[in-house]
């Protein structure tokens, strides 16, 4: 691989990595904005539990993809 191709490859990887980190930051913000126990202004309900369980399932899939244990 020549230097120009390597630079393009590394730039593309860096861009994708920064985008993934930005997405994780957004996910954390959105999770913190969700209803929480003891918050009378935004009380939790069973739909909130289901939503968090769905988030956990999807995040587990991402972890399995990244660590190579995906089936």
C-alpha atoms as a PDB file:
ATOM      1  CA  UNK A   1       0.000   0.000   0.000  1.00  0.00           C
ATOM      2  CA  UNK A   2       1.450   3.365  -0.946  1.00  0.00           C
ATOM      3  CA  UNK A   3       1.566   6.351   1.394  1.00  0.00           C
ATOM      4  CA  UNK A   4      -1.392   8.116  -0.284  1.00  0.00           C
ATOM      5  CA  UNK A   5      -3.646   5.076   0.102  1.00  0.00           C
ATOM      6  CA  UNK A   6      -2.537   4.539   3.695  1.00  0.00           C
ATOM      7  CA  UNK A   7      -3.291   8.204   4.516  1.00  0.00           C
ATOM      8  CA  UNK A   8      -6.766   7.895   2.963  1.00  0.00           C
ATOM      9  CA  UNK A   9      -7.372   4.672   4.879  1.00  0.00           C
ATOM     10  CA  UNK A  10      -6.256   6.191   8.182  1.00  0.00           C
ATOM     11  CA  UNK A  11      -8.312   9.355   7.586  1.00  0.00           C
ATOM     12  CA  UNK A  12     -11.417   7.289   6.813  1.00  0.00           C
ATOM     13  CA  UNK A  13     -10.881   5.166   9.919  1.00  0.00           C
ATOM     14  CA  UNK A  14     -10.360   8.229  12.119  1.00  0.00           C
ATOM     15  CA  UNK A  15     -13.537   9.838  10.740  1.00  0.00           C
ATOM     16  CA  UNK A  16     -15.565   6.653  11.354  1.00  0.00           C
ATOM     17  CA  UNK A  17     -14.129   6.328  14.876  1.00  0.00           C
ATOM     18  CA  UNK A  18     -14.973   9.928  15.776  1.00  0.00           C
ATOM     19  CA  UNK A  19     -18.486   9.439  14.406  1.00  0.00           C
ATOM     20  CA  UNK A  20     -18.941   6.304  16.557  1.00  0.00           C
ATOM     21  CA  UNK A  21     -17.726   8.136  19.674  1.00  0.00           C
ATOM     22  CA  UNK A  22     -20.077  11.028  18.897  1.00  0.00           C
ATOM     23  CA  UNK A  23     -22.952   8.594  18.540  1.00  0.00           C
ATOM     24  CA  UNK A  24     -22.087   7.047  21.909  1.00  0.00           C
ATOM     25  CA  UNK A  25     -22.087  10.501  23.502  1.00  0.00           C
ATOM     26  CA  UNK A  26     -25.532  11.167  22.016  1.00  0.00           C
ATOM     27  CA  UNK A  27     -26.812   7.805  23.280  1.00  0.00           C
ATOM     28  CA  UNK A  28     -25.612   8.677  26.791  1.00  0.00           C
ATOM     29  CA  UNK A  29     -27.362  12.058  26.626  1.00  0.00           C
ATOM     30  CA  UNK A  30     -30.595  10.447  25.456  1.00  0.00           C
ATOM     31  CA  UNK A  31     -30.416   7.790  28.178  1.00  0.00           C
ATOM     32  CA  UNK A  32     -29.910  10.466  30.831  1.00  0.00           C
ATOM     33  CA  UNK A  33     -32.947  12.323  29.476  1.00  0.00           C
ATOM     34  CA  UNK A  34     -35.216   9.291  29.896  1.00  0.00           C
ATOM     35  CA  UNK A  35     -37.613   9.005  32.821  1.00  0.00           C
ATOM     36  CA  UNK A  36     -36.067   7.822  36.080  1.00  0.00           C
ATOM     37  CA  UNK A  37     -37.446   6.414  39.309  1.00  0.00           C
ATOM     38  CA  UNK A  38     -38.428   9.117  41.771  1.00  0.00           C
ATOM     39  CA  UNK A  39     -38.941  11.804  39.122  1.00  0.00           C
ATOM     40  CA  UNK A  40     -42.540  12.949  39.598  1.00  0.00           C
ATOM     41  CA  UNK A  41     -42.364  15.272  36.581  1.00  0.00           C
ATOM     42  CA  UNK A  42     -41.499  12.377  34.252  1.00  0.00           C
ATOM     43  CA  UNK A  43     -42.700   9.184  35.945  1.00  0.00           C
ATOM     44  CA  UNK A  44     -41.669   5.824  34.531  1.00  0.00           C
ATOM     45  CA  UNK A  45     -44.091   3.298  33.117  1.00  0.00           C
ATOM     46  CA  UNK A  46     -43.832  -0.213  31.656  1.00  0.00           C
ATOM     47  CA  UNK A  47     -43.214   1.189  28.177  1.00  0.00           C
ATOM     48  CA  UNK A  48     -40.073   2.855  29.536  1.00  0.00           C
ATOM     49  CA  UNK A  49     -38.907  -0.488  30.934  1.00  0.00           C
ATOM     50  CA  UNK A  50     -39.529  -2.084  27.539  1.00  0.00           C
ATOM     51  CA  UNK A  51     -37.643   0.691  25.781  1.00  0.00           C
ATOM     52  CA  UNK A  52     -34.615   0.280  28.032  1.00  0.00           C
ATOM     53  CA  UNK A  53     -34.697  -3.487  27.560  1.00  0.00           C
ATOM     54  CA  UNK A  54     -34.692  -2.926  23.785  1.00  0.00           C
ATOM     55  CA  UNK A  55     -31.745  -0.527  24.111  1.00  0.00           C
ATOM     56  CA  UNK A  56     -29.883  -3.141  26.169  1.00  0.00           C
ATOM     57  CA  UNK A  57     -30.574  -5.848  23.570  1.00  0.00           C
ATOM     58  CA  UNK A  58     -29.273  -3.664  20.761  1.00  0.00           C
ATOM     59  CA  UNK A  59     -26.207  -2.600  22.736  1.00  0.00           C
ATOM     60  CA  UNK A  60     -25.466  -6.249  23.549  1.00  0.00           C
ATOM     61  CA  UNK A  61     -25.543  -6.997  19.813  1.00  0.00           C
ATOM     62  CA  UNK A  62     -23.031  -4.218  19.197  1.00  0.00           C
ATOM     63  CA  UNK A  63     -20.752  -5.551  21.940  1.00  0.00           C
ATOM     64  CA  UNK A  64     -20.958  -9.066  20.457  1.00  0.00           C
ATOM     65  CA  UNK A  65     -20.061  -7.659  17.018  1.00  0.00           C
ATOM     66  CA  UNK A  66     -17.091  -5.729  18.393  1.00  0.00           C
ATOM     67  CA  UNK A  67     -15.675  -8.521  20.552  1.00  0.00           C
ATOM     68  CA  UNK A  68     -16.206 -11.219  17.904  1.00  0.00           C
ATOM     69  CA  UNK A  69     -18.766 -13.311  19.778  1.00  0.00           C
ATOM     70  CA  UNK A  70     -21.638 -12.478  17.433  1.00  0.00           C
ATOM     71  CA  UNK A  71     -23.410 -15.607  16.217  1.00  0.00           C
END
